[in-house]
């Protein structure tokens, strides 16, 4: 679990927001783990605020030109491209390489599928910071200052370069990294690597021989050292830790204690479910869930609609509130939809509710 601190909104960070980000990016979402700390539950499908964790992450990267999910296919709220590392359960580095093969953009956002509070503003912030720097990547740090390499934006060319490099070259570049820089990311990357190892061990216990660890530190699910089963000259990334990639990259960091919160245990799930029901978040969460469920992508002026519902309830009758807002939505849809159509229909309905209320207090006879 990443440390969680309730104050603040996702994407707020502690520094001034940078300028606009790049026009286009791709996203790779790693969702193929076995979730042993959740008792083998289908973690990407667990619901927080009525939405699957995977769908919440997909909504956060909705602006991606291509979104690749590395996992076995499943129904999702948004269209995605599916990919799988070979062999399945080969760890986060192998999964990232499998997903990256389906991307073409200069920038790639890399995410895990268990981030309930991640939103589009956070993704935009990462991309903006990357575009404004000469770093190879920009990642979030949590409340304790630990790196979150699976909540990050990277230059795709830099990631491809390191994934394609022979293991010895990657290790050499990692060894030359600043010790202080490496220390801050070790805890999170160790945890992500432990997740990958736990997932592989869980699968090997169900599907085949127990994994062995070769002399070079790689885990081979078939129990053979140095197995090369990828086409051509593609390096075998099975079992390699994330630091073999990030240790060779020049990274910048954006602090965000909320968006970096991830769900590893049932306690984490309970925390996330409780947080979205807090007074300051529940309506936004509900509107987001309803839009996903109904398959619409519309910026909703919640205040405008609540004001209309209040006017209809007080000026006409309480049941008039939901009926009026339904009619406004129906009329806006017939007018082509969009925030402007909603605002215009709401304005007309609010004016009618006001005239209706005025009649109840105007005792003068009709002229």
Protein backbone atom coordinates (compact mmCIF):
# COMPACT_ATOMS: atom_id res chain seq x y z
CA UNK A 1 0.00 0.00 0.00
CA UNK A 2 1.15 3.54 -0.71
CA UNK A 3 0.78 5.89 2.24
CA UNK A 4 -2.50 7.80 2.06
CA UNK A 5 -3.20 11.27 3.36
CA UNK A 6 -6.78 12.52 2.89
CA UNK A 7 -6.07 16.27 2.48
CA UNK A 8 -5.71 17.55 -1.05
CA UNK A 9 -7.06 16.61 -4.44
CA UNK A 10 -5.37 14.29 -6.91
CA UNK A 11 -3.08 16.18 -9.23
CA UNK A 12 -2.68 19.12 -6.89
CA UNK A 13 0.87 18.25 -5.84
CA UNK A 14 2.88 20.83 -3.94
CA UNK A 15 4.41 22.82 -6.80
CA UNK A 16 2.84 25.27 -9.26
CA UNK A 17 1.19 23.50 -12.16
CA UNK A 18 3.35 23.49 -15.28
CA UNK A 19 2.20 24.66 -18.68
CA UNK A 20 0.23 22.65 -21.24
CA UNK A 21 1.45 19.16 -21.98
CA UNK A 22 2.18 17.51 -25.32
CA UNK A 23 -0.60 17.19 -27.86
CA UNK A 24 -0.49 13.41 -28.08
CA UNK A 25 0.52 10.48 -25.91
CA UNK A 26 -0.08 6.76 -25.58
CA UNK A 27 -0.79 4.85 -22.38
CA UNK A 28 0.26 1.42 -21.15
CA UNK A 29 -1.69 0.00 -18.19
CA UNK A 30 -0.27 -3.04 -16.41
CA UNK A 31 -3.20 -5.14 -15.16
CA UNK A 32 -2.03 -8.74 -15.25
CA UNK A 33 -1.04 -9.41 -11.63
CA UNK A 34 -2.43 -12.25 -9.54
CA UNK A 35 -3.17 -10.09 -6.42
CA UNK A 36 -2.02 -12.60 -3.83
CA UNK A 37 -2.42 -10.05 -1.01
CA UNK A 38 -6.06 -9.83 -2.01
CA UNK A 39 -6.42 -13.58 -1.84
CA UNK A 40 -6.19 -13.94 -5.61
CA UNK A 41 -9.16 -11.65 -6.21
CA UNK A 42 -9.62 -10.04 -9.60
CA UNK A 43 -8.05 -6.75 -8.54
CA UNK A 44 -8.59 -4.76 -11.77
CA UNK A 45 -12.27 -5.71 -11.54
CA UNK A 46 -12.74 -4.70 -7.91
CA UNK A 47 -15.11 -1.76 -7.66
CA UNK A 48 -14.49 1.53 -5.92
CA UNK A 49 -17.33 4.01 -6.20
CA UNK A 50 -19.26 1.63 -8.41
CA UNK A 51 -16.48 1.45 -11.02
CA UNK A 52 -13.85 -1.19 -11.59
CA UNK A 53 -10.35 -0.08 -10.64
CA UNK A 54 -9.22 -0.67 -14.22
CA UNK A 55 -12.02 1.52 -15.58
CA UNK A 56 -11.07 4.29 -13.18
CA UNK A 57 -7.48 4.22 -14.46
CA UNK A 58 -8.66 4.11 -18.08
CA UNK A 59 -10.75 7.22 -17.45
CA UNK A 60 -7.65 9.01 -16.17
CA UNK A 61 -5.81 8.36 -19.45
CA UNK A 62 -8.83 8.90 -21.69
CA UNK A 63 -6.85 11.47 -23.69
CA UNK A 64 -4.36 8.88 -24.93
CA UNK A 65 -4.24 8.24 -28.67
CA UNK A 66 -3.77 4.53 -27.97
CA UNK A 67 -4.34 2.80 -24.64
CA UNK A 68 -2.76 -0.64 -24.23
CA UNK A 69 -3.78 -2.86 -21.33
CA UNK A 70 -1.35 -5.68 -20.60
CA UNK A 71 -3.59 -8.44 -19.27
CA UNK A 72 -6.06 -11.03 -20.46
CA UNK A 73 -8.97 -9.30 -22.27
CA UNK A 74 -12.07 -8.33 -20.30
CA UNK A 75 -15.00 -5.92 -20.78
CA UNK A 76 -13.99 -2.30 -20.17
CA UNK A 77 -15.82 1.02 -20.19
CA UNK A 78 -13.45 2.40 -22.87
CA UNK A 79 -11.96 0.79 -25.97
CA UNK A 80 -8.39 -0.46 -25.49
CA UNK A 81 -5.74 -2.55 -27.22
CA UNK A 82 -4.88 -5.78 -25.41
CA UNK A 83 -1.39 -7.21 -25.04
CA UNK A 84 0.30 -9.92 -22.99
CA UNK A 85 3.87 -10.59 -21.99
CA UNK A 86 5.29 -13.98 -22.97
CA UNK A 87 5.18 -15.93 -20.76
CA UNK A 88 2.25 -14.43 -18.82
CA UNK A 89 3.32 -13.38 -15.34
CA UNK A 90 6.82 -12.46 -16.54
CA UNK A 91 6.95 -9.34 -14.36
CA UNK A 92 6.41 -5.60 -14.83
CA UNK A 93 9.38 -5.03 -17.13
CA UNK A 94 8.31 -7.76 -19.55
CA UNK A 95 4.72 -6.50 -19.39
CA UNK A 96 5.81 -2.94 -20.14
CA UNK A 97 7.80 -4.12 -23.16
CA UNK A 98 4.79 -6.05 -24.45
CA UNK A 99 2.56 -3.00 -24.15
CA UNK A 100 5.08 -0.58 -25.60
CA UNK A 101 5.20 -2.53 -28.86
CA UNK A 102 1.68 -1.31 -29.62
CA UNK A 103 2.45 2.39 -29.12
CA UNK A 104 3.77 5.04 -31.50
CA UNK A 105 3.58 8.36 -29.62
CA UNK A 106 6.65 10.25 -28.43
CA UNK A 107 5.38 10.13 -24.84
CA UNK A 108 3.96 7.13 -23.04
CA UNK A 109 2.12 7.15 -19.71
CA UNK A 110 2.74 3.96 -17.72
CA UNK A 111 0.20 3.08 -15.03
CA UNK A 112 -0.74 0.22 -12.76
CA UNK A 113 -4.41 -0.78 -12.68
CA UNK A 114 -4.96 -0.22 -8.95
CA UNK A 115 -4.99 3.59 -8.65
CA UNK A 116 -8.47 4.65 -7.46
CA UNK A 117 -7.72 8.37 -7.13
CA UNK A 118 -5.79 8.91 -10.35
CA UNK A 119 -7.44 11.48 -12.62
CA UNK A 120 -6.84 13.24 -15.91
CA UNK A 121 -5.33 16.34 -14.20
CA UNK A 122 -2.57 14.18 -12.72
CA UNK A 123 -1.78 12.60 -16.09
CA UNK A 124 -1.70 16.05 -17.69
CA UNK A 125 0.62 17.28 -14.96
CA UNK A 126 3.07 14.44 -15.56
CA UNK A 127 3.06 15.03 -19.31
CA UNK A 128 3.48 18.78 -18.91
CA UNK A 129 6.43 18.32 -16.58
CA UNK A 130 8.02 15.87 -19.01
CA UNK A 131 7.56 18.17 -22.00
CA UNK A 132 9.10 21.07 -20.08
CA UNK A 133 12.20 19.13 -19.03
CA UNK A 134 15.05 17.19 -20.59
CA UNK A 135 14.37 14.17 -18.36
CA UNK A 136 13.64 10.72 -19.71
CA UNK A 137 10.61 10.44 -17.47
CA UNK A 138 8.54 12.10 -14.76
CA UNK A 139 6.97 10.02 -12.00
CA UNK A 140 4.84 10.62 -8.93
CA UNK A 141 6.16 10.38 -5.41
CA UNK A 142 3.93 9.39 -2.51
CA UNK A 143 3.38 10.98 0.90
CA UNK A 144 6.67 9.50 2.13
CA UNK A 145 8.63 10.73 -0.88
CA UNK A 146 8.93 7.28 -2.45
CA UNK A 147 9.03 6.95 -6.22
CA UNK A 148 6.04 5.52 -8.08
CA UNK A 149 7.48 4.18 -11.37
CA UNK A 150 4.08 2.81 -12.41
CA UNK A 151 2.44 6.24 -12.19
CA UNK A 152 4.67 8.04 -14.64
CA UNK A 153 5.17 9.56 -18.07
CA UNK A 154 8.23 8.58 -20.09
CA UNK A 155 9.86 9.43 -23.39
CA UNK A 156 9.09 6.30 -25.37
CA UNK A 157 12.43 6.39 -27.17
CA UNK A 158 14.34 6.31 -23.88
CA UNK A 159 12.30 3.37 -22.57
CA UNK A 160 12.73 1.45 -25.82
CA UNK A 161 16.46 2.11 -25.76
CA UNK A 162 16.85 0.66 -22.27
CA UNK A 163 14.53 -2.28 -22.85
CA UNK A 164 16.50 -3.22 -25.96
CA UNK A 165 19.91 -2.83 -24.32
CA UNK A 166 21.79 -5.96 -23.27
CA UNK A 167 21.48 -6.68 -19.57
CA UNK A 168 25.11 -5.73 -18.92
CA UNK A 169 24.70 -2.26 -20.40
CA UNK A 170 21.54 -1.62 -18.35
CA UNK A 171 23.26 -2.75 -15.17
CA UNK A 172 26.25 -0.52 -15.88
CA UNK A 173 24.10 2.56 -16.37
CA UNK A 174 22.17 1.77 -13.19
CA UNK A 175 25.42 1.42 -11.25
CA UNK A 176 26.53 4.86 -12.41
CA UNK A 177 23.31 6.49 -11.18
CA UNK A 178 23.58 8.80 -8.18
CA UNK A 179 23.26 6.75 -4.95
CA UNK A 180 20.96 9.34 -3.37
CA UNK A 181 18.75 9.25 -6.44
CA UNK A 182 18.55 5.45 -6.33
CA UNK A 183 17.74 5.30 -2.63
CA UNK A 184 14.49 7.24 -2.98
CA UNK A 185 13.04 4.83 -5.48
CA UNK A 186 14.24 1.52 -4.08
CA UNK A 187 11.34 0.95 -1.65
CA UNK A 188 8.63 1.40 -4.24
CA UNK A 189 10.47 -0.50 -6.96
CA UNK A 190 11.27 -3.33 -4.56
CA UNK A 191 7.59 -3.50 -3.72
CA UNK A 192 6.58 -3.49 -7.39
CA UNK A 193 9.14 -6.19 -8.09
CA UNK A 194 7.89 -8.23 -5.14
CA UNK A 195 4.41 -7.93 -6.61
CA UNK A 196 5.69 -9.36 -9.87
CA UNK A 197 7.53 -12.19 -8.14
CA UNK A 198 4.48 -13.03 -6.03
CA UNK A 199 2.33 -13.11 -9.14
CA UNK A 200 4.77 -15.39 -10.94
CA UNK A 201 5.06 -17.72 -7.94
CA UNK A 202 1.29 -17.85 -7.65
CA UNK A 203 0.93 -18.76 -11.30
CA UNK A 204 3.74 -21.28 -11.23
CA UNK A 205 2.09 -23.02 -8.30
CA UNK A 206 -1.11 -23.37 -10.29
CA UNK A 207 0.14 -23.88 -13.81
CA UNK A 208 3.56 -25.50 -13.84
CA UNK A 209 6.96 -25.91 -12.20
CA UNK A 210 8.06 -23.58 -9.44
CA UNK A 211 10.15 -20.75 -10.84
CA UNK A 212 13.92 -20.89 -10.46
CA UNK A 213 16.18 -17.87 -10.27
CA UNK A 214 19.14 -17.98 -12.66
CA UNK A 215 22.66 -16.74 -12.02
CA UNK A 216 21.81 -13.37 -13.57
CA UNK A 217 18.87 -12.81 -11.19
CA UNK A 218 16.17 -13.54 -13.76
CA UNK A 219 13.26 -15.74 -12.85
CA UNK A 220 12.54 -18.45 -15.41
CA UNK A 221 9.04 -19.91 -14.97
CA UNK A 222 10.18 -23.14 -16.61
CA UNK A 223 13.16 -23.53 -14.25
CA UNK A 224 15.81 -22.96 -16.94
CA UNK A 225 18.50 -20.31 -16.76
CA UNK A 226 18.90 -17.71 -19.48
CA UNK A 227 15.93 -18.94 -21.51
CA UNK A 228 15.51 -16.92 -24.74
CA UNK A 229 12.02 -17.41 -26.14
CA UNK A 230 11.39 -14.00 -27.71
CA UNK A 231 11.62 -13.54 -31.48
CA UNK A 232 14.76 -12.28 -33.12
CA UNK A 233 17.26 -10.45 -30.97
CA UNK A 234 14.67 -9.21 -28.46
CA UNK A 235 16.13 -9.43 -24.92
CA UNK A 236 14.47 -11.75 -22.44
CA UNK A 237 13.05 -9.44 -19.78
CA UNK A 238 11.30 -12.15 -17.78
CA UNK A 239 11.75 -11.58 -14.06
CA UNK A 240 13.92 -8.47 -14.38
CA UNK A 241 13.19 -5.80 -11.73
CA UNK A 242 11.88 -2.36 -12.64
CA UNK A 243 15.08 -0.72 -11.44
CA UNK A 244 16.87 -2.31 -14.38
CA UNK A 245 14.92 0.22 -16.44
CA UNK A 246 14.41 3.23 -14.18
CA UNK A 247 17.93 3.03 -12.75
CA UNK A 248 19.28 3.87 -16.21
CA UNK A 249 16.87 6.77 -16.88
CA UNK A 250 17.09 10.43 -15.94
CA UNK A 251 13.94 11.01 -13.91
CA UNK A 252 12.09 14.02 -12.52
CA UNK A 253 9.47 13.82 -9.80
CA UNK A 254 6.05 15.28 -8.99
CA UNK A 255 4.72 14.81 -5.43
CA UNK A 256 1.09 13.69 -5.11
CA UNK A 257 0.06 11.81 -1.98
CA UNK A 258 -3.50 11.12 -3.17
CA UNK A 259 -3.15 10.12 -6.83
CA UNK A 260 -0.26 7.82 -5.92
CA UNK A 261 -2.41 5.77 -3.52
CA UNK A 262 -2.69 2.18 -4.76
CA UNK A 263 -4.75 -0.79 -3.60
CA UNK A 264 -2.70 -3.81 -2.58
CA UNK A 265 -4.87 -5.11 0.29
CA UNK A 266 -8.49 -5.23 1.36
CA UNK A 267 -7.73 -2.47 3.86
CA UNK A 268 -6.62 -0.29 0.93
CA UNK A 269 -9.87 -1.05 -0.90
CA UNK A 270 -11.88 -0.12 2.21
CA UNK A 271 -9.93 3.13 2.58
CA UNK A 272 -10.57 4.07 -1.04
CA UNK A 273 -14.28 3.27 -0.82
CA UNK A 274 -14.63 5.36 2.33
CA UNK A 275 -12.75 8.32 0.91
CA UNK A 276 -14.95 8.75 -2.16
CA UNK A 277 -18.01 8.94 0.07
CA UNK A 278 -16.63 11.93 1.94
CA UNK A 279 -18.80 15.01 1.53
CA UNK A 280 -16.35 16.90 -0.65
CA UNK A 281 -15.99 14.08 -3.19
CA UNK A 282 -19.19 12.07 -3.36
CA UNK A 283 -21.04 14.06 -6.04
CA UNK A 284 -18.08 14.26 -8.40
CA UNK A 285 -17.46 10.55 -7.90
CA UNK A 286 -21.11 9.73 -8.53
CA UNK A 287 -21.27 11.83 -11.70
CA UNK A 288 -18.09 10.18 -13.02
CA UNK A 289 -19.47 6.71 -12.27
CA UNK A 290 -22.81 7.52 -13.91
CA UNK A 291 -21.13 8.88 -17.05
CA UNK A 292 -19.03 5.74 -17.38
CA UNK A 293 -22.02 3.49 -16.82
CA UNK A 294 -24.14 5.38 -19.37
CA UNK A 295 -21.33 5.64 -21.89
CA UNK A 296 -21.29 9.43 -22.15
CA UNK A 297 -18.43 11.90 -22.01
CA UNK A 298 -19.91 15.23 -21.01
CA UNK A 299 -18.68 17.98 -18.71
CA UNK A 300 -21.52 18.37 -16.22
CA UNK A 301 -22.07 21.65 -14.37
CA UNK A 302 -23.19 20.02 -11.13
CA UNK A 303 -23.90 23.34 -9.43
CA UNK A 304 -26.20 24.47 -12.23
CA UNK A 305 -28.27 21.29 -12.09
CA UNK A 306 -28.43 21.30 -8.29
CA UNK A 307 -29.66 24.90 -8.33
CA UNK A 308 -32.34 23.92 -10.84
CA UNK A 309 -33.40 20.94 -8.72
CA UNK A 310 -33.62 23.19 -5.65
CA UNK A 311 -35.74 25.77 -7.47
CA UNK A 312 -38.11 23.12 -8.79
CA UNK A 313 -38.41 21.44 -5.37
CA UNK A 314 -39.04 24.67 -3.46
CA UNK A 315 -41.06 26.54 -6.06
CA UNK A 316 -43.20 23.69 -7.35
CA UNK A 317 -43.01 20.42 -5.37
CA UNK A 318 -40.24 18.12 -4.21
CA UNK A 319 -40.90 15.44 -6.86
CA UNK A 320 -40.51 18.15 -9.52
CA UNK A 321 -36.74 18.25 -8.90
CA UNK A 322 -35.72 14.90 -10.46
CA UNK A 323 -38.40 15.15 -13.15
CA UNK A 324 -37.24 18.60 -14.21
CA UNK A 325 -33.58 17.66 -14.41
CA UNK A 326 -34.54 14.60 -16.48
CA UNK A 327 -36.48 16.78 -18.90
CA UNK A 328 -33.54 19.19 -19.16
CA UNK A 329 -31.23 16.33 -20.05
CA UNK A 330 -33.67 14.98 -22.61
CA UNK A 331 -34.09 18.35 -24.30
CA UNK A 332 -30.32 18.97 -24.29
CA UNK A 333 -29.78 15.58 -25.90
CA UNK A 334 -32.28 16.35 -28.65
CA UNK A 335 -30.50 19.65 -29.24
CA UNK A 336 -27.22 17.86 -29.91
CA UNK A 337 -25.92 17.57 -26.37
CA UNK A 338 -22.95 19.40 -24.95
CA UNK A 339 -22.57 21.74 -21.97
CA UNK A 340 -24.12 24.68 -23.84
CA UNK A 341 -27.31 22.76 -24.60
CA UNK A 342 -27.61 21.67 -20.98
CA UNK A 343 -27.06 25.23 -19.74
CA UNK A 344 -29.68 26.68 -22.08
CA UNK A 345 -32.31 24.09 -21.18
CA UNK A 346 -31.55 24.55 -17.47
CA UNK A 347 -31.87 28.32 -17.79
CA UNK A 348 -35.34 28.01 -19.34
CA UNK A 349 -36.50 25.50 -16.73
CA UNK A 350 -35.15 27.64 -13.86
CA UNK A 351 -36.98 30.70 -15.22
CA UNK A 352 -40.20 28.68 -15.40
CA UNK A 353 -39.75 27.47 -11.82
CA UNK A 354 -39.21 31.06 -10.68
CA UNK A 355 -42.39 32.27 -12.42
CA UNK A 356 -44.28 29.37 -10.87
CA UNK A 357 -43.02 30.30 -7.41
CA UNK A 358 -43.77 34.01 -7.93
CA UNK A 359 -47.44 33.25 -8.61
CA UNK A 360 -47.80 31.67 -5.17
CA UNK A 361 -46.79 34.92 -3.47
CA UNK A 362 -48.53 37.36 -5.84
CA UNK A 363 -52.03 38.02 -4.45
CA UNK A 364 -52.94 40.66 -7.06
CA UNK A 365 -55.79 39.76 -9.43
CA UNK A 366 -54.88 39.20 -13.07
CA UNK A 367 -55.01 42.39 -15.12
